[in-house]
Protein backbone atom coordinates (compact mmCIF):
# COMPACT_ATOMS: atom_id res chain seq x y z
CA MET A 1 0.22 -0.12 -0.26
CA ARG A 2 1.43 3.62 -0.69
CA THR A 3 2.13 5.85 1.84
CA THR A 4 -0.65 8.51 0.80
CA ALA A 5 -3.25 5.66 1.04
CA LYS A 6 -2.12 4.63 4.37
CA ILE A 7 -2.34 8.08 5.76
CA ARG A 8 -5.83 8.46 4.05
CA THR A 9 -6.94 5.48 5.57
CA ARG A 10 -5.55 6.40 9.10
CA ASN A 11 -7.04 9.81 9.02
CA THR A 12 -10.55 8.47 7.61
CA ALA A 13 -10.58 5.99 10.91
CA GLN A 14 -9.52 8.98 13.26
CA ALA A 15 -12.30 11.17 11.87
CA ARG A 16 -14.78 8.33 12.67
CA ASP A 17 -13.79 8.08 16.04
CA THR A 18 -14.22 11.73 16.86
CA ASN A 19 -17.61 13.37 17.70
CA ARG A 20 -19.48 15.68 15.46
CA ALA A 21 -18.93 18.38 18.03
CA THR A 22 -15.17 18.03 17.92
CA GLN A 23 -15.35 17.87 14.00
CA TYR A 24 -17.40 21.16 13.77
CA ALA A 25 -15.22 22.88 16.27
CA THR A 26 -12.22 21.81 14.23
CA LEU A 27 -14.04 23.60 11.14
CA ASN A 28 -14.58 26.56 13.02
CA GLY A 29 -10.88 26.84 13.88
CA ARG A 30 -10.06 30.31 15.55
CA TYR A 31 -13.89 31.19 15.90
CA GLN A 32 -14.53 28.41 18.31
CA ALA A 33 -12.60 29.87 21.11
CA ALA A 34 -13.95 33.42 20.59
CA LEU A 35 -17.40 31.74 20.49
CA ASP A 36 -16.97 30.14 23.61
CA ARG A 37 -15.88 33.32 25.30
CA GLY A 38 -18.50 35.44 24.04
CA GLU A 39 -16.25 37.80 21.81
CA ILE A 40 -18.44 36.85 18.74
CA ILE A 41 -22.01 36.05 18.84
CA ARG A 42 -24.91 34.92 16.61
CA THR A 43 -27.86 37.03 15.86
CA GLY A 44 -30.11 34.71 17.85
CA ASP A 45 -27.91 35.07 20.89
CA HIS A 46 -28.25 39.24 20.39
CA LEU A 47 -31.75 38.65 20.40
CA GLN A 48 -31.94 36.22 23.74
CA HIS A 49 -29.51 39.03 25.24
CA LEU A 50 -32.28 41.89 24.57
CA GLY A 51 -35.14 39.67 25.62
CA ILE A 52 -36.53 39.31 22.34
CA GLN A 53 -38.37 36.04 21.61
CA LEU A 54 -39.01 35.34 18.05
CA PRO A 55 -39.99 32.08 16.14
CA ASP A 56 -36.96 30.18 14.22
CA GLY A 57 -38.18 31.34 10.77
CA GLN A 58 -38.27 35.18 11.99
CA GLN A 59 -34.92 34.71 13.69
CA SER A 60 -33.39 33.69 10.33
CA TRP A 61 -35.13 36.61 8.60
CA TYR A 62 -33.49 39.03 11.44
CA GLY A 63 -30.24 37.29 10.66
CA ARG A 64 -30.48 38.26 6.99
CA HIS A 65 -31.17 41.88 7.82
CA VAL A 66 -28.25 41.85 10.15
CA ALA A 67 -26.04 40.30 7.24
CA LYS A 68 -27.35 42.79 4.56
CA ALA A 69 -26.57 45.83 7.10
CA HIS A 70 -23.08 44.31 8.05
CA ARG A 71 -22.17 44.18 4.06
CA ALA A 72 -23.47 47.70 3.49
CA THR A 73 -21.08 49.06 6.07
CA THR A 74 -18.12 46.94 5.56
CA GLY A 75 -18.30 45.69 1.77
CA HIS A 76 -17.76 42.04 2.88
CA ASP A 77 -19.79 39.02 4.39
CA ALA A 78 -19.13 38.66 8.25
CA HIS A 79 -17.52 35.41 9.42
CA LYS A 80 -19.09 32.14 9.36
CA ALA A 81 -19.31 29.28 12.07
CA TRP A 82 -20.89 26.44 12.67
CA VAL A 83 -23.34 25.98 15.50
CA GLN A 84 -25.83 23.63 16.56
CA HIS A 85 -29.56 24.96 16.02
CA ARG A 86 -31.08 25.90 19.23
CA THR A 87 -34.18 23.56 18.74
CA THR A 88 -33.28 21.01 16.09
CA ALA A 89 -29.87 20.49 17.33
CA ARG A 90 -28.64 20.02 13.50
CA TRP A 91 -25.16 21.77 12.79
CA ILE A 92 -25.80 24.73 10.51
CA ALA A 93 -23.38 27.46 9.02
CA VAL A 94 -24.12 31.16 10.38
CA TYR A 95 -22.71 34.54 10.51
CA VAL A 96 -21.05 35.50 13.57
CA TYR A 97 -20.57 39.30 14.80
CA ALA A 98 -18.82 41.24 17.66
CA PRO A 99 -21.48 42.06 20.35
CA ASP A 100 -21.14 45.69 19.65
CA ALA A 101 -21.52 45.57 15.77
CA PRO A 102 -23.44 48.25 14.27
CA ALA A 103 -25.24 45.95 12.26
CA LEU A 104 -26.83 44.17 14.78
CA THR A 105 -28.89 47.12 15.88
CA ALA A 106 -29.34 48.08 11.95
CA GLY A 107 -30.94 44.93 11.70
CA LEU A 108 -33.31 45.44 14.65
CA TRP A 109 -34.39 48.62 12.96
CA SER A 110 -34.69 47.17 9.35
CA TYR A 111 -36.96 44.17 9.98
CA LYS A 112 -40.47 44.62 10.62
CA ALA A 113 -40.83 41.98 13.37
CA THR A 114 -38.26 43.29 15.80
CA ARG A 115 -39.08 47.28 15.10
CA PRO A 116 -41.25 47.62 17.73
CA ALA A 117 -38.92 45.73 20.41
CA ALA A 118 -36.18 48.17 19.07
CA GLU A 119 -38.38 51.20 19.70
CA ARG A 120 -39.38 49.95 23.19
CA LEU A 121 -35.88 49.29 23.97
CA TYR A 122 -34.42 52.52 22.78
CA ALA A 123 -37.36 54.69 24.37
CA GLU A 124 -36.43 53.09 27.58
CA ALA A 125 -32.74 53.81 27.22
CA ALA A 126 -33.63 57.67 26.54
């Protein structure tokens, strides 16, 4: 057996022995540690922090509005990370942002389902 075939066989066997969470954490690379520490967050985490409850379908639309705002201000997409879906536990790729990213607030104002909550939150702050 050639050396490359032996390496491929060994790597395949090792990959089979690791759990799925470890595999996706490896795919995340340097973002996994930042996610664990809270230095970068998902849009759903932001909504949860603000106390806004939305169904899954509406949360994904909020995420799209945030991604559009981020693209408009920076000219490029945000970083993607693999995370487990909060209700289905399936692994999905989502954009992640700094907790103080302006796109998160812009997404609150641009999406009609979160606009009333944004008005309420920022009226209380004023």
